[in-house]
Amino acid sequence: MTATTQRTATTTSTPGFLDRRRTVAPLGFNRWLIPPAALAVHLCIGQVYATSVYKTSLVAHFDTSQTAIGIIFSIAIVMLGLSAAVFGTWVDRNGPRKAMFVATVCWGTGFLVGAAGIATSQLWLLYLGYGVIGGIGLGIGYISPVSTLIKWFPDRPGLATGLAIMGFGGGAMVASPLSRQLLSAYDPGYTPSDSTSTADGHALTLLFVTLGIVYALVMLIGVFNIRVPHPDWKPEGWTPPGEARDTATLVTTKSVSAASSIRTPQFWLLWVVLFCNVTAGIGILEQASPMIQDFFRENGSSAVTVAAAGGFVGLLSLFNMAGRFVWSSTSDVIGRKPMYMVYLGVGILAYIGLALAGHVAIALFVLIAAVLISFYGGGFATAPAYLRDLFGTFQVGAIHGRLLTAWSAAGVAGPLIINGFLDAQGKPGTLTADAYTPALLTMVGVLAVGFVANLLVRPVADRFHESDDVVEAAKPAPVEAGEGSSRLPGTARVVALWAVIAVILAYGVFQTVTTAAKLFA
């Protein structure tokens, strides 16, 4: 009995809506319905980058330190990496719809539990809700759409992962202005343009409830529309590579399991590459607003206002999002390994330029920082395609989940490096460009380590490859006709879903550009 027959023989009962078999698309399915389904999830969970909007208000409400509130973000990012690693195999086994639904429940519940913590002034509930429960939703929601898109776009995996992860980078671009506007509506005494203004606990509670409900509804759009390709499907006109592997491009047609991947040197080399790239990027992101003010401070006064610094942060968010799509798509043309040579090699030169000449002109500082942040975003988006090239699509979602532990580690290391150097230089609000030189040159060393690790990447040895029978047996059997899998979405549905995503992105871009204009006013 063949593996396909075995899978069909076990398909005796009608699967539920969330069952993996119900997500298998019929032949002829329009794959361009999948990217907006993925974006619907990533645009929501990308809100984690916008927590600084209400950080000061939370500090005032709980009457605690910035460190105590900042831990919430750290818990969420650590849980993202851990849950992606722990549940990666479960996501591959159960399919993207069930995984995205679980992510929706966790992310929405995290906001509601956090709202209860704010309403009752119980900080531990905020840690549990947004940090732990929401963080689990972050991890599962991050990897499930990405691994699915890779399977739909074997001809352009870089473009596919760039489309999805672009949404995560753009999530803050939407969430930041939305949160400010909601807080203003819920608390008339709150002034978003005043850095010293804080919203009251009632407004913060309503904000978390609103975001929890809205994000859950938007993410459900992705849940209802996500599909995996039929086992016999392939892009029209595309011919799979005939060789077992291409040593020049590192692209393999073989498969490596998640368990076997962590025994390969390639996995750990990529772990180091991602860790170094993210550590360097977070070095700017975490300190963006005060950093640009400090670089242009003379005699205790900065040429960059608080409002203009906010515009700089918004501009970085835009380049973070754009870099995820542009650079990841470029990797389809030049290859994943050369793309990371650009991220890390040009990044080294950019950090040196920022340290030595960043203070010369605001425009030069913004240009260098924007390029660095675009590389930061591009590194995230190119990583899944790099994994797909090396390990195949068999359990790429689970492998990606394990790799994201590098993000968790970098989320701790990056701020520690920058803040450690700055604490030794003086108090916040009194620093100048010279105070940043040791930290920036340290990041040059970090990127150099990543550059060397990327150079050492080679094709995965044959002994780690799974047999064709094992891979075939793991594929889902499509449901029978009449059970819901034979319906093809019409063009109107595809256009409507893209229109929803376009409106959300357009709102974020407009708000960001409007704010960023203050930087050069």
Protein backbone atom coordinates (compact mmCIF):
# COMPACT_ATOMS: atom_id res chain seq x y z
CA MET A 1 0.00 0.00 0.00
CA THR A 2 1.43 3.40 -0.99
CA ALA A 3 1.74 6.32 1.39
CA THR A 4 -0.99 8.18 -0.52
CA THR A 5 -3.34 5.19 -0.24
CA GLN A 6 -2.61 4.93 3.47
CA ARG A 7 -3.51 8.58 3.96
CA THR A 8 -6.73 8.17 1.99
CA ALA A 9 -7.68 5.02 3.88
CA THR A 10 -7.51 6.82 7.18
CA THR A 11 -9.84 9.56 5.95
CA THR A 12 -13.15 8.04 7.03
CA SER A 13 -14.82 10.79 9.02
CA THR A 14 -15.89 14.27 8.05
CA PRO A 15 -13.28 16.70 9.39
CA GLY A 16 -14.18 19.81 11.36
CA PHE A 17 -13.71 23.31 10.01
CA LEU A 18 -10.34 23.70 11.77
CA ASP A 19 -9.07 20.28 10.71
CA ARG A 20 -5.98 20.32 8.55
CA ARG A 21 -7.71 18.32 5.77
CA ARG A 22 -10.36 21.01 5.43
CA THR A 23 -7.64 23.52 4.59
CA VAL A 24 -6.34 21.60 1.56
CA ALA A 25 -7.22 23.69 -1.50
CA PRO A 26 -8.65 22.16 -4.65
CA LEU A 27 -6.64 22.24 -7.85
CA GLY A 28 -7.09 25.58 -9.58
CA PHE A 29 -7.22 27.55 -6.32
CA ASN A 30 -6.01 31.17 -6.65
CA ARG A 31 -2.87 31.35 -4.49
CA TRP A 32 -3.10 35.15 -4.31
CA LEU A 33 -5.83 34.77 -1.70
CA ILE A 34 -3.23 33.46 0.75
CA PRO A 35 -0.96 36.53 1.21
CA PRO A 36 -3.76 38.81 2.50
CA ALA A 37 -4.90 36.00 4.82
CA ALA A 38 -1.36 35.90 6.23
CA LEU A 39 -1.17 39.70 6.41
CA ALA A 40 -4.44 39.80 8.38
CA VAL A 41 -2.65 37.93 11.17
CA HIS A 42 0.76 39.61 11.02
CA LEU A 43 -0.62 43.16 10.89
CA CYS A 44 -2.38 42.42 14.19
CA ILE A 45 0.38 40.67 16.13
CA GLY A 46 2.87 43.31 14.91
CA GLN A 47 1.23 45.58 17.50
CA VAL A 48 3.84 44.31 19.93
CA TYR A 49 6.26 46.87 18.46
CA ALA A 50 3.89 49.71 19.48
CA THR A 51 3.85 49.12 23.23
CA SER A 52 5.91 52.26 23.84
CA VAL A 53 2.86 54.38 22.92
CA TYR A 54 1.16 53.69 26.25
CA LYS A 55 4.23 52.73 28.32
CA THR A 56 4.39 56.06 30.19
CA SER A 57 0.66 55.89 30.94
CA LEU A 58 1.05 52.40 32.38
CA VAL A 59 3.96 53.56 34.54
CA ALA A 60 1.81 56.36 35.96
CA HIS A 61 -1.27 54.14 36.42
CA PHE A 62 0.58 51.40 38.32
CA ASP A 63 2.89 53.91 40.04
CA THR A 64 5.91 51.77 39.24
CA SER A 65 9.18 51.96 37.32
CA GLN A 66 9.76 51.92 33.57
CA THR A 67 11.68 48.68 34.03
CA ALA A 68 8.65 46.99 35.63
CA ILE A 69 6.47 47.97 32.66
CA GLY A 70 9.18 47.24 30.09
CA ILE A 71 9.27 43.65 31.34
CA ILE A 72 5.85 43.14 29.75
CA PHE A 73 7.35 43.58 26.27
CA SER A 74 10.32 41.36 27.16
CA ILE A 75 8.03 38.57 28.38
CA ALA A 76 5.99 38.77 25.17
CA ILE A 77 9.09 38.53 22.94
CA VAL A 78 10.59 35.68 24.97
CA MET A 79 7.28 33.80 24.82
CA LEU A 80 7.16 34.44 21.07
CA GLY A 81 10.45 32.63 20.58
CA LEU A 82 9.68 29.84 23.05
CA SER A 83 6.16 29.14 21.77
CA ALA A 84 7.34 29.21 18.15
CA ALA A 85 10.01 26.65 19.03
CA VAL A 86 7.81 24.44 21.22
CA PHE A 87 4.67 24.49 19.04
CA GLY A 88 6.36 24.57 15.63
CA THR A 89 5.92 20.84 14.98
CA TRP A 90 2.32 21.03 16.25
CA VAL A 91 1.63 23.82 13.73
CA ASP A 92 2.99 21.72 10.85
CA ARG A 93 1.02 18.67 11.99
CA ASN A 94 -2.32 20.42 12.53
CA GLY A 95 -2.23 22.92 9.70
CA PRO A 96 -2.37 26.72 9.49
CA ARG A 97 -6.08 27.24 10.11
CA LYS A 98 -6.15 25.60 13.53
CA ALA A 99 -2.84 27.26 14.43
CA MET A 100 -4.02 30.72 13.35
CA PHE A 101 -7.27 30.23 15.27
CA VAL A 102 -5.35 29.34 18.44
CA ALA A 103 -3.13 32.39 17.87
CA THR A 104 -6.25 34.56 17.50
CA VAL A 105 -7.72 33.27 20.75
CA CYS A 106 -4.45 33.75 22.65
CA TRP A 107 -3.75 37.22 21.25
CA GLY A 108 -7.27 38.49 21.88
CA THR A 109 -7.47 36.87 25.32
CA GLY A 110 -4.10 38.37 26.22
CA PHE A 111 -5.48 41.88 25.71
CA LEU A 112 -8.65 41.13 27.70
CA VAL A 113 -6.74 39.63 30.63
CA GLY A 114 -4.37 42.60 30.46
CA ALA A 115 -7.37 44.94 30.53
CA ALA A 116 -8.58 43.20 33.70
CA GLY A 117 -5.15 43.74 35.23
CA ILE A 118 -5.26 47.46 34.41
CA ALA A 119 -8.81 47.84 35.71
CA THR A 120 -7.95 46.16 39.02
CA SER A 121 -4.40 47.60 39.24
CA GLN A 122 -2.94 44.08 39.31
CA LEU A 123 0.30 44.25 37.32
CA TRP A 124 0.78 40.50 37.42
CA LEU A 125 -2.37 40.08 35.33
CA LEU A 126 -0.80 42.29 32.66
CA TYR A 127 2.29 40.09 32.74
CA LEU A 128 0.14 36.97 32.44
CA GLY A 129 -2.27 38.35 29.85
CA TYR A 130 -0.30 40.40 27.34
CA GLY A 131 3.08 38.87 28.22
CA VAL A 132 2.48 35.12 28.55
CA ILE A 133 -0.87 34.37 26.87
CA GLY A 134 -0.46 37.05 24.22
CA GLY A 135 3.17 36.01 23.71
CA ILE A 136 2.07 32.45 22.93
CA GLY A 137 -0.32 33.88 20.35
CA LEU A 138 2.57 35.89 18.92
CA GLY A 139 4.75 32.84 18.38
CA ILE A 140 2.09 30.59 16.86
CA GLY A 141 0.64 33.43 14.79
CA TYR A 142 4.07 34.40 13.50
CA ILE A 143 5.15 31.04 12.06
CA SER A 144 1.89 29.51 10.80
CA PRO A 145 1.18 31.89 7.87
CA VAL A 146 4.85 32.02 6.84
CA SER A 147 5.32 28.26 6.43
CA THR A 148 2.07 28.11 4.45
CA LEU A 149 3.08 30.88 2.05
CA ILE A 150 6.39 29.14 1.33
CA LYS A 151 4.45 26.10 0.11
CA TRP A 152 2.25 28.27 -2.16
CA PHE A 153 5.21 30.10 -3.70
CA PRO A 154 7.98 27.52 -4.31
CA ASP A 155 9.00 29.60 -7.32
CA ARG A 156 9.32 32.84 -5.26
CA PRO A 157 9.78 31.96 -1.58
CA GLY A 158 11.50 35.25 -0.77
CA LEU A 159 8.57 37.26 -2.09
CA ALA A 160 6.15 35.02 -0.18
CA THR A 161 7.84 35.36 3.20
CA GLY A 162 8.40 39.06 2.57
CA LEU A 163 4.67 39.57 2.01
CA ALA A 164 3.75 37.94 5.30
CA ILE A 165 6.47 39.28 7.55
CA MET A 166 6.06 42.73 6.02
CA GLY A 167 2.79 42.79 7.92
CA PHE A 168 4.53 42.19 11.23
CA GLY A 169 6.81 45.14 10.60
CA GLY A 170 3.85 47.28 9.59
CA GLY A 171 1.76 46.30 12.60
CA ALA A 172 3.26 49.06 14.76
CA MET A 173 2.81 51.55 11.94
CA VAL A 174 -0.94 50.97 12.24
CA ALA A 175 -1.16 50.35 15.99
CA SER A 176 0.79 53.43 17.13
CA PRO A 177 -1.51 56.13 15.68
CA LEU A 178 -4.60 54.02 16.35
CA SER A 179 -3.67 53.63 20.03
CA ARG A 180 -3.00 57.35 20.41
CA GLN A 181 -6.33 58.23 18.81
CA LEU A 182 -8.26 55.73 20.93
CA LEU A 183 -6.64 56.96 24.15
CA SER A 184 -7.55 60.54 23.20
CA ALA A 185 -11.16 59.49 22.62
CA TYR A 186 -11.37 57.58 25.91
CA ASP A 187 -9.56 60.25 27.97
CA PRO A 188 -10.16 63.88 26.81
CA GLY A 189 -7.36 65.02 29.11
CA TYR A 190 -4.76 62.98 27.22
CA THR A 191 -2.68 64.87 24.62
CA PRO A 192 -0.72 62.51 22.30
CA SER A 193 1.64 65.23 21.10
CA ASP A 194 2.75 65.97 24.68
CA SER A 195 5.37 63.45 25.82
CA THR A 196 4.54 64.18 29.47
CA SER A 197 0.79 63.57 29.07
CA THR A 198 -0.58 60.27 30.39
CA ALA A 199 -3.92 58.54 29.87
CA ASP A 200 -5.88 57.36 32.91
CA GLY A 201 -6.53 53.74 33.87
CA HIS A 202 -10.07 53.76 32.49
CA ALA A 203 -8.82 54.80 29.03
CA LEU A 204 -6.06 52.19 29.12
CA THR A 205 -8.58 49.49 30.06
CA LEU A 206 -10.88 50.46 27.18
CA LEU A 207 -7.90 50.58 24.81
CA PHE A 208 -6.91 47.00 25.63
CA VAL A 209 -10.51 45.77 25.32
CA THR A 210 -10.94 47.52 21.98
CA LEU A 211 -7.67 46.22 20.56
CA GLY A 212 -8.39 42.69 21.77
CA ILE A 213 -11.78 42.60 20.01
CA VAL A 214 -10.69 44.38 16.81
CA TYR A 215 -7.56 42.28 16.38
CA ALA A 216 -9.48 39.05 16.95
CA LEU A 217 -12.00 39.98 14.24
CA VAL A 218 -9.30 40.91 11.73
CA MET A 219 -7.29 37.77 12.45
CA LEU A 220 -10.39 35.63 11.91
CA ILE A 221 -10.43 36.91 8.32
CA GLY A 222 -7.11 35.14 7.89
CA VAL A 223 -8.36 32.03 9.65
CA PHE A 224 -11.34 31.66 7.31
CA ASN A 225 -9.33 32.20 4.13
CA ILE A 226 -6.09 30.29 4.75
CA ARG A 227 -5.47 27.14 2.71
CA VAL A 228 -2.58 24.77 1.98
CA PRO A 229 -1.89 23.64 -1.60
CA HIS A 230 -3.19 20.35 -2.98
CA PRO A 231 -0.46 17.65 -3.01
CA ASP A 232 -0.59 17.61 -6.83
CA TRP A 233 -0.54 21.39 -7.25
CA LYS A 234 2.35 23.44 -8.57
CA PRO A 235 2.57 26.97 -10.02
CA GLU A 236 1.66 27.17 -13.69
CA GLY A 237 4.74 26.99 -15.87
CA TRP A 238 7.04 26.17 -12.95
CA THR A 239 9.30 23.12 -13.07
CA PRO A 240 10.73 21.86 -9.75
CA PRO A 241 14.54 21.63 -9.65
CA GLY A 242 15.71 18.29 -11.00
CA GLU A 243 18.87 18.00 -8.94
CA ALA A 244 18.84 16.84 -5.33
CA ARG A 245 20.57 20.04 -4.41
CA ASP A 246 22.23 23.01 -6.03
CA THR A 247 25.52 23.68 -4.26
CA ALA A 248 25.77 27.16 -5.74
CA THR A 249 22.38 28.43 -4.52
CA LEU A 250 22.04 25.99 -1.57
CA VAL A 251 18.53 25.06 -2.78
CA THR A 252 17.62 21.44 -2.03
CA THR A 253 14.73 19.26 -3.21
CA LYS A 254 15.20 16.96 -0.23
CA SER A 255 13.63 17.32 3.22
CA VAL A 256 14.99 17.59 6.74
CA SER A 257 12.81 17.16 9.84
CA ALA A 258 12.73 19.73 12.62
CA ALA A 259 14.34 17.25 15.00
CA SER A 260 17.20 16.56 12.59
CA SER A 261 17.69 20.21 11.65
CA ILE A 262 19.02 21.21 15.07
CA ARG A 263 21.75 18.58 14.71
CA THR A 264 23.12 20.27 11.61
CA PRO A 265 25.80 22.98 11.67
CA GLN A 266 23.73 24.94 9.13
CA PHE A 267 20.93 25.54 11.62
CA TRP A 268 23.27 26.93 14.26
CA LEU A 269 25.16 29.05 11.76
CA LEU A 270 21.84 30.61 10.70
CA TRP A 271 20.94 31.02 14.37
CA VAL A 272 24.09 33.09 14.85
CA VAL A 273 23.41 35.04 11.64
CA LEU A 274 19.88 35.97 12.72
CA PHE A 275 20.97 36.72 16.29
CA CYS A 276 23.66 39.13 15.10
CA ASN A 277 21.44 40.87 12.56
CA VAL A 278 18.59 41.31 15.06
CA THR A 279 20.88 42.42 17.90
CA ALA A 280 22.28 45.19 15.74
CA GLY A 281 18.85 46.31 14.52
CA ILE A 282 17.30 46.37 17.97
CA GLY A 283 20.22 48.55 19.03
CA ILE A 284 18.66 51.37 16.98
CA LEU A 285 14.98 50.50 17.36
CA GLU A 286 15.03 50.34 21.14
CA GLN A 287 16.76 53.72 21.47
CA ALA A 288 15.46 55.47 18.34
CA SER A 289 13.70 58.52 19.78
CA PRO A 290 16.28 59.61 22.37
CA MET A 291 19.13 58.60 20.06
CA ILE A 292 18.35 61.11 17.31
CA GLN A 293 17.83 63.84 19.91
CA ASP A 294 21.16 63.04 21.57
CA PHE A 295 23.08 63.01 18.28
CA PHE A 296 22.11 66.64 17.66
CA ARG A 297 22.37 67.98 21.20
CA GLU A 298 24.59 70.97 21.93
CA ASN A 299 24.88 72.88 25.19
CA GLY A 300 22.12 70.79 26.72
CA SER A 301 19.58 71.50 23.96
CA SER A 302 18.68 69.25 21.02
CA ALA A 303 17.94 70.47 17.49
CA VAL A 304 15.42 67.60 17.20
CA THR A 305 12.14 68.12 19.04
CA VAL A 306 10.13 65.38 20.73
CA ALA A 307 7.55 65.53 17.93
CA ALA A 308 10.25 65.26 15.27
CA ALA A 309 11.81 62.31 17.11
CA GLY A 310 8.39 60.65 17.00
CA GLY A 311 8.41 61.20 13.25
CA PHE A 312 11.79 59.48 13.07
CA VAL A 313 10.38 56.44 14.88
CA GLY A 314 7.49 56.33 12.43
CA LEU A 315 9.87 56.57 9.49
CA LEU A 316 11.89 53.65 10.83
CA SER A 317 8.68 51.62 11.08
CA LEU A 318 8.01 52.32 7.40
CA PHE A 319 11.51 51.23 6.35
CA ASN A 320 11.29 48.21 8.65
CA MET A 321 8.16 47.11 6.79
CA ALA A 322 9.43 47.96 3.30
CA GLY A 323 12.74 46.20 3.88
CA ARG A 324 10.95 42.98 4.72
CA PHE A 325 9.33 42.89 1.31
CA VAL A 326 11.95 44.53 -0.94
CA TRP A 327 15.07 42.77 0.33
CA SER A 328 13.40 39.38 0.77
CA SER A 329 12.06 39.58 -2.80
CA THR A 330 15.53 40.56 -3.99
CA SER A 331 16.88 37.37 -2.43
CA ASP A 332 14.85 35.39 -4.99
CA VAL A 333 17.11 36.92 -7.64
CA ILE A 334 20.55 36.98 -6.00
CA GLY A 335 20.14 34.13 -3.51
CA ARG A 336 19.73 33.99 0.25
CA LYS A 337 23.41 33.73 1.22
CA PRO A 338 24.48 36.77 -0.88
CA MET A 339 21.52 38.71 0.54
CA TYR A 340 22.74 38.16 4.07
CA MET A 341 26.22 39.22 2.99
CA VAL A 342 24.60 42.54 2.05
CA TYR A 343 22.68 42.78 5.34
CA LEU A 344 25.77 42.13 7.43
CA GLY A 345 28.56 43.54 5.25
CA VAL A 346 26.87 46.79 4.26
CA GLY A 347 25.49 46.94 7.80
CA ILE A 348 29.06 47.01 9.15
CA LEU A 349 29.90 49.98 6.92
CA ALA A 350 26.64 51.72 7.86
CA TYR A 351 27.31 51.37 11.59
CA ILE A 352 30.82 52.75 11.14
CA GLY A 353 29.36 55.64 9.17
CA LEU A 354 26.77 56.30 11.87
CA ALA A 355 29.41 56.29 14.61
CA LEU A 356 31.84 58.59 12.78
CA ALA A 357 29.62 60.88 10.70
CA GLY A 358 26.05 60.45 11.91
CA HIS A 359 26.17 63.76 13.77
CA VAL A 360 27.07 65.79 10.67
CA ALA A 361 23.51 66.23 9.36
CA ILE A 362 20.04 65.05 10.35
CA ALA A 363 19.33 63.84 6.81
CA LEU A 364 22.50 61.70 6.81
CA PHE A 365 21.66 60.22 10.22
CA VAL A 366 18.12 59.36 9.09
CA LEU A 367 19.34 57.82 5.83
CA ILE A 368 21.88 55.53 7.51
CA ALA A 369 19.44 54.50 10.26
CA ALA A 370 16.71 53.80 7.68
CA VAL A 371 19.02 51.52 5.68
CA LEU A 372 20.05 49.64 8.83
CA ILE A 373 16.45 49.12 9.90
CA SER A 374 15.49 47.95 6.41
CA PHE A 375 18.23 45.30 6.75
CA TYR A 376 16.86 44.39 10.19
CA GLY A 377 13.41 43.77 8.72
CA GLY A 378 14.79 42.07 5.63
CA GLY A 379 16.76 39.64 7.77
CA PHE A 380 13.56 38.44 9.43
CA ALA A 381 11.75 38.02 6.12
CA THR A 382 14.59 36.24 4.32
CA ALA A 383 15.25 33.72 7.11
CA PRO A 384 12.28 31.39 6.34
CA ALA A 385 13.24 31.26 2.65
CA TYR A 386 16.86 30.50 3.64
CA LEU A 387 15.59 27.65 5.81
CA ARG A 388 13.43 26.39 2.96
CA ASP A 389 16.45 26.36 0.63
CA LEU A 390 18.55 24.36 3.08
CA PHE A 391 16.00 22.05 4.73
CA GLY A 392 13.08 21.82 2.27
CA THR A 393 9.42 22.52 3.00
CA PHE A 394 8.69 19.34 4.99
CA GLN A 395 8.75 20.90 8.48
CA VAL A 396 10.01 24.38 7.65
CA GLY A 397 7.49 25.99 10.02
CA ALA A 398 8.80 24.01 12.98
CA ILE A 399 12.42 24.72 12.01
CA HIS A 400 11.57 28.41 11.68
CA GLY A 401 10.05 28.31 15.14
CA ARG A 402 13.24 26.93 16.63
CA LEU A 403 15.31 29.55 14.80
CA LEU A 404 13.25 32.35 16.35
CA THR A 405 14.83 31.64 19.72
CA ALA A 406 17.66 33.74 18.25
CA TRP A 407 15.21 36.64 18.21
CA SER A 408 14.37 36.11 21.88
CA ALA A 409 18.06 36.09 22.77
CA ALA A 410 18.76 39.17 20.66
CA GLY A 411 15.81 40.97 22.25
CA VAL A 412 17.67 40.71 25.54
CA ALA A 413 21.23 41.21 24.27
CA GLY A 414 20.64 44.23 22.02
CA PRO A 415 19.13 46.57 24.62
CA LEU A 416 21.61 45.35 27.27
CA ILE A 417 24.57 46.26 25.06
CA ILE A 418 23.25 49.70 24.11
CA ASN A 419 21.89 50.63 27.54
CA GLY A 420 24.97 49.30 29.30
CA PHE A 421 27.26 51.61 27.35
CA LEU A 422 24.89 54.59 27.65
CA ASP A 423 24.47 54.18 31.41
CA ALA A 424 28.24 54.48 31.73
CA GLN A 425 28.27 57.69 29.67
CA GLY A 426 25.77 59.75 31.68
CA LYS A 427 22.11 60.39 32.39
CA PRO A 428 19.35 60.31 29.73
CA GLY A 429 18.71 63.74 28.26
CA THR A 430 22.32 64.85 28.69
CA LEU A 431 24.06 62.51 26.22
CA THR A 432 25.63 63.52 22.89
CA ALA A 433 26.74 61.65 19.77
CA ASP A 434 30.11 60.74 21.31
CA ALA A 435 28.34 58.72 24.02
CA TYR A 436 27.06 56.30 21.36
CA THR A 437 30.40 55.59 19.67
CA PRO A 438 31.45 52.61 21.86
CA ALA A 439 28.03 50.96 21.52
CA LEU A 440 27.87 51.44 17.75
CA LEU A 441 31.37 50.09 17.21
CA THR A 442 30.44 47.07 19.37
CA MET A 443 27.57 46.42 16.95
CA VAL A 444 30.13 46.45 14.13
CA GLY A 445 31.85 43.53 15.86
CA VAL A 446 28.52 41.73 16.32
CA LEU A 447 27.72 42.06 12.62
CA ALA A 448 31.21 40.84 11.71
CA VAL A 449 30.59 37.62 13.65
CA GLY A 450 27.33 37.13 11.73
CA PHE A 451 29.08 37.82 8.42
CA VAL A 452 31.62 35.06 9.07
CA ALA A 453 28.89 32.62 10.17
CA ASN A 454 27.00 33.24 6.92
CA LEU A 455 30.14 32.60 4.86
CA LEU A 456 30.45 29.18 6.50
CA VAL A 457 26.97 27.97 5.43
CA ARG A 458 27.10 24.94 3.10
CA PRO A 459 24.47 22.47 1.80
CA VAL A 460 23.07 20.06 4.39
CA ALA A 461 24.71 16.63 4.38
CA ASP A 462 22.73 13.73 2.91
CA ARG A 463 22.62 11.84 6.22
CA PHE A 464 20.15 14.38 7.61
CA HIS A 465 17.61 13.96 4.79
CA GLU A 466 14.29 12.19 5.40
CA SER A 467 13.17 9.39 3.09
CA ASP A 468 10.56 10.17 0.43
CA ASP A 469 8.12 7.72 2.07
CA VAL A 470 8.25 9.59 5.39
CA VAL A 471 7.65 12.94 3.68
CA GLU A 472 4.81 11.57 1.54
CA ALA A 473 3.07 9.94 4.52
CA ALA A 474 3.04 13.25 6.37
CA LYS A 475 1.12 15.07 3.64
CA PRO A 476 -2.59 15.72 4.39
CA ALA A 477 -5.21 13.96 2.33
CA PRO A 478 -7.73 16.35 0.74
CA VAL A 479 -11.36 16.02 1.80
CA GLU A 480 -13.83 14.40 -0.51
CA ALA A 481 -16.01 16.44 -2.81
CA GLY A 482 -19.02 17.88 -1.03
CA GLU A 483 -17.13 18.41 2.24
CA GLY A 484 -16.13 21.96 1.39
CA SER A 485 -12.76 21.64 -0.36
CA SER A 486 -14.00 21.78 -3.97
CA ARG A 487 -15.14 25.41 -3.89
CA LEU A 488 -12.93 27.89 -5.69
CA PRO A 489 -12.90 31.53 -4.50
CA GLY A 490 -14.05 34.03 -7.08
CA THR A 491 -12.02 37.01 -8.23
CA ALA A 492 -14.30 39.33 -6.24
CA ARG A 493 -13.34 37.58 -3.00
CA VAL A 494 -9.63 37.93 -3.74
CA VAL A 495 -10.03 41.62 -4.62
CA ALA A 496 -12.16 42.30 -1.53
CA LEU A 497 -9.65 40.70 0.83
CA TRP A 498 -6.75 42.61 -0.71
CA ALA A 499 -8.80 45.82 -0.46
CA VAL A 500 -9.28 45.33 3.30
CA ILE A 501 -5.54 44.86 3.79
CA ALA A 502 -4.76 47.81 1.51
CA VAL A 503 -7.01 50.13 3.53
CA ILE A 504 -5.34 49.09 6.81
CA LEU A 505 -1.87 49.61 5.35
CA ALA A 506 -2.84 52.91 3.71
CA TYR A 507 -4.03 54.24 7.08
CA GLY A 508 -0.71 53.33 8.69
CA VAL A 509 1.41 54.76 5.86
CA PHE A 510 -0.55 58.04 5.82
CA GLN A 511 -0.25 58.47 9.59
CA THR A 512 3.46 57.63 9.49
CA VAL A 513 4.31 59.98 6.62
CA THR A 514 2.33 62.79 8.25
CA THR A 515 4.22 62.36 11.50
CA ALA A 516 7.60 61.89 9.80
CA ALA A 517 7.16 65.19 7.93
CA LYS A 518 7.74 66.97 11.26
CA LEU A 519 11.30 65.65 11.25
CA PHE A 520 12.24 67.86 8.32
CA ALA A 521 9.87 70.75 9.01
